[in-house]
Amino acid sequence: MSKNLEISVLLDLYGELLTKKQYDMLDFYYNDDLSLAEIAEQYEISRQGVHDSIKRGEELLLNYENVLHLCEKEKKYQDVLVEFKAQALDVLNECRKVSFGKNIADKTIILLENLDSKLEEFDNSELLGE
């Protein structure tokens, strides 16, 4: 995962643990793609001040992840869902081979739809970066 994407994901997970100013600066920098100069102008501080605040915020986010491992846990959860989906697809394909498997196939389709819904949550939150 690229550093920019990693910080953006960590900001989504741990952003509320930062001060509002740190959060906003990181959000402007990583999510809105504003330059240090543009952020400095908004806060009426130097580019160096913005840079220092962003670096401190990055360090805090990385430290939170090192202690809490939420990003790592979400990735593992996503991997489990992907494996469940593969298993459900295997069951569906086997059910289609036999005539009495229609009821099982219908239930498997519902399971697959539920798994897809959960996996979309990860897609929408951009946690699929590898």
Protein backbone atom coordinates (compact mmCIF):
# COMPACT_ATOMS: atom_id res chain seq x y z
CA MET A 1 0.00 0.00 0.00
CA SER A 2 1.41 3.43 -0.89
CA LYS A 3 2.19 5.79 1.96
CA ASN A 4 -0.48 8.28 0.86
CA LEU A 5 -3.16 5.60 0.78
CA GLU A 6 -1.94 4.13 4.06
CA ILE A 7 -2.11 7.49 5.86
CA SER A 8 -5.53 8.18 4.32
CA VAL A 9 -6.84 4.83 5.58
CA LEU A 10 -5.31 5.38 9.02
CA LEU A 11 -6.85 8.85 9.10
CA ASP A 12 -10.27 7.28 8.51
CA LEU A 13 -9.67 4.78 11.32
CA TYR A 14 -7.95 6.95 13.92
CA GLY A 15 -8.66 10.53 12.83
CA GLU A 16 -10.94 11.26 15.75
CA LEU A 17 -8.00 10.66 18.10
CA LEU A 18 -6.15 13.64 16.61
CA THR A 19 -6.78 17.28 17.34
CA LYS A 20 -9.20 18.94 14.92
CA LYS A 21 -6.37 21.00 13.45
CA GLN A 22 -4.13 17.94 12.90
CA TYR A 23 -7.02 16.02 11.40
CA ASP A 24 -7.97 18.85 9.07
CA MET A 25 -4.40 19.40 7.89
CA LEU A 26 -3.90 15.70 7.18
CA ASP A 27 -7.29 15.54 5.47
CA PHE A 28 -6.49 18.56 3.29
CA TYR A 29 -3.07 17.17 2.43
CA TYR A 30 -3.91 13.50 1.79
CA ASN A 31 -7.57 13.49 0.80
CA ASP A 32 -8.06 16.90 -0.81
CA ASP A 33 -4.52 17.00 -2.28
CA LEU A 34 -3.82 20.54 -1.11
CA SER A 35 -0.22 21.71 -1.05
CA LEU A 36 1.61 22.78 2.09
CA ALA A 37 1.41 26.37 0.86
CA GLU A 38 -2.37 26.18 0.37
CA ILE A 39 -2.88 24.74 3.85
CA ALA A 40 -0.48 27.28 5.36
CA GLU A 41 -2.46 30.09 3.77
CA GLN A 42 -5.71 28.80 5.29
CA TYR A 43 -4.21 28.60 8.78
CA GLU A 44 -2.04 31.68 8.40
CA ILE A 45 1.10 29.79 9.42
CA SER A 46 4.31 28.87 7.63
CA ARG A 47 4.68 25.93 5.26
CA GLN A 48 7.18 24.51 7.76
CA GLY A 49 4.54 24.70 10.49
CA VAL A 50 2.11 22.77 8.31
CA HIS A 51 4.82 20.25 7.43
CA ASP A 52 5.66 19.72 11.11
CA SER A 53 2.01 19.31 12.06
CA ILE A 54 1.44 16.79 9.25
CA LYS A 55 4.52 14.80 10.26
CA ARG A 56 3.41 14.72 13.91
CA GLY A 57 -0.05 13.60 12.83
CA GLU A 58 1.41 10.86 10.62
CA GLU A 59 3.54 9.61 13.50
CA LEU A 60 0.52 9.52 15.80
CA LEU A 61 -1.56 7.59 13.24
CA LEU A 62 1.22 5.06 12.71
CA ASN A 63 1.68 4.67 16.47
CA TYR A 64 -2.05 4.09 16.92
CA GLU A 65 -1.93 1.36 14.27
CA ASN A 66 1.15 -0.20 15.89
CA VAL A 67 -0.73 -0.45 19.18
CA LEU A 68 -4.31 -1.18 18.06
CA HIS A 69 -3.80 -2.95 14.69
CA LEU A 70 -7.27 -1.99 13.41
CA CYS A 71 -6.14 -1.70 9.79
CA GLU A 72 -4.44 -5.08 10.00
CA LYS A 73 -7.54 -6.63 11.58
CA GLU A 74 -9.81 -5.20 8.87
CA LYS A 75 -7.55 -6.63 6.17
CA LYS A 76 -7.68 -10.07 7.81
CA TYR A 77 -11.47 -9.81 8.08
CA GLN A 78 -11.67 -8.91 4.41
CA ASP A 79 -9.46 -11.87 3.50
CA VAL A 80 -11.77 -14.20 5.46
CA LEU A 81 -14.81 -12.81 3.60
CA VAL A 82 -13.08 -13.37 0.28
CA GLU A 83 -12.34 -16.98 1.26
CA PHE A 84 -15.96 -17.52 2.35
CA LYS A 85 -17.11 -16.16 -0.99
CA ALA A 86 -14.84 -18.58 -2.85
CA GLN A 87 -16.21 -21.48 -0.81
CA ALA A 88 -19.80 -20.40 -1.43
CA LEU A 89 -19.10 -20.17 -5.18
CA ASP A 90 -17.75 -23.73 -5.07
CA VAL A 91 -20.94 -24.92 -3.34
CA LEU A 92 -23.08 -23.09 -5.90
CA ASN A 93 -21.21 -24.65 -8.79
CA GLU A 94 -21.60 -28.13 -7.27
CA CYS A 95 -25.33 -27.55 -6.69
CA ARG A 96 -25.82 -26.60 -10.32
CA LYS A 97 -24.41 -29.99 -11.33
CA VAL A 98 -27.17 -31.94 -9.59
CA SER A 99 -30.91 -31.58 -10.08
CA PHE A 100 -31.86 -31.72 -6.39
CA GLY A 101 -29.46 -28.92 -5.45
CA LYS A 102 -31.77 -26.03 -6.46
CA ASN A 103 -32.79 -25.15 -2.88
CA ILE A 104 -29.19 -25.22 -1.75
CA ALA A 105 -28.16 -23.18 -4.79
CA ASP A 106 -30.80 -20.53 -3.99
CA LYS A 107 -29.56 -20.26 -0.41
CA THR A 108 -25.98 -20.08 -1.63
CA ILE A 109 -26.89 -17.19 -3.94
CA ILE A 110 -28.29 -15.31 -0.94
CA LEU A 111 -25.08 -16.02 0.96
CA LEU A 112 -23.03 -14.74 -1.97
CA GLU A 113 -25.10 -11.56 -2.15
CA ASN A 114 -24.53 -10.99 1.57
CA LEU A 115 -20.79 -11.56 1.18
CA ASP A 116 -20.67 -9.19 -1.79
CA SER A 117 -22.43 -6.56 0.30
CA LYS A 118 -19.83 -6.88 3.06
CA LEU A 119 -16.96 -6.83 0.57
CA GLU A 120 -18.38 -3.67 -1.05
CA GLU A 121 -17.96 -1.93 2.29
CA PHE A 122 -14.22 -2.51 1.92
CA ASP A 123 -14.22 -1.38 -1.70
CA ASN A 124 -16.07 1.79 -0.78
CA SER A 125 -13.63 2.56 2.02
CA GLU A 126 -10.65 1.96 -0.26
CA LEU A 127 -9.10 -0.69 2.02
CA LEU A 128 -8.23 -2.97 -0.81
CA GLY A 129 -4.79 -1.46 -1.41
CA GLU A 130 -2.06 -4.07 -1.44
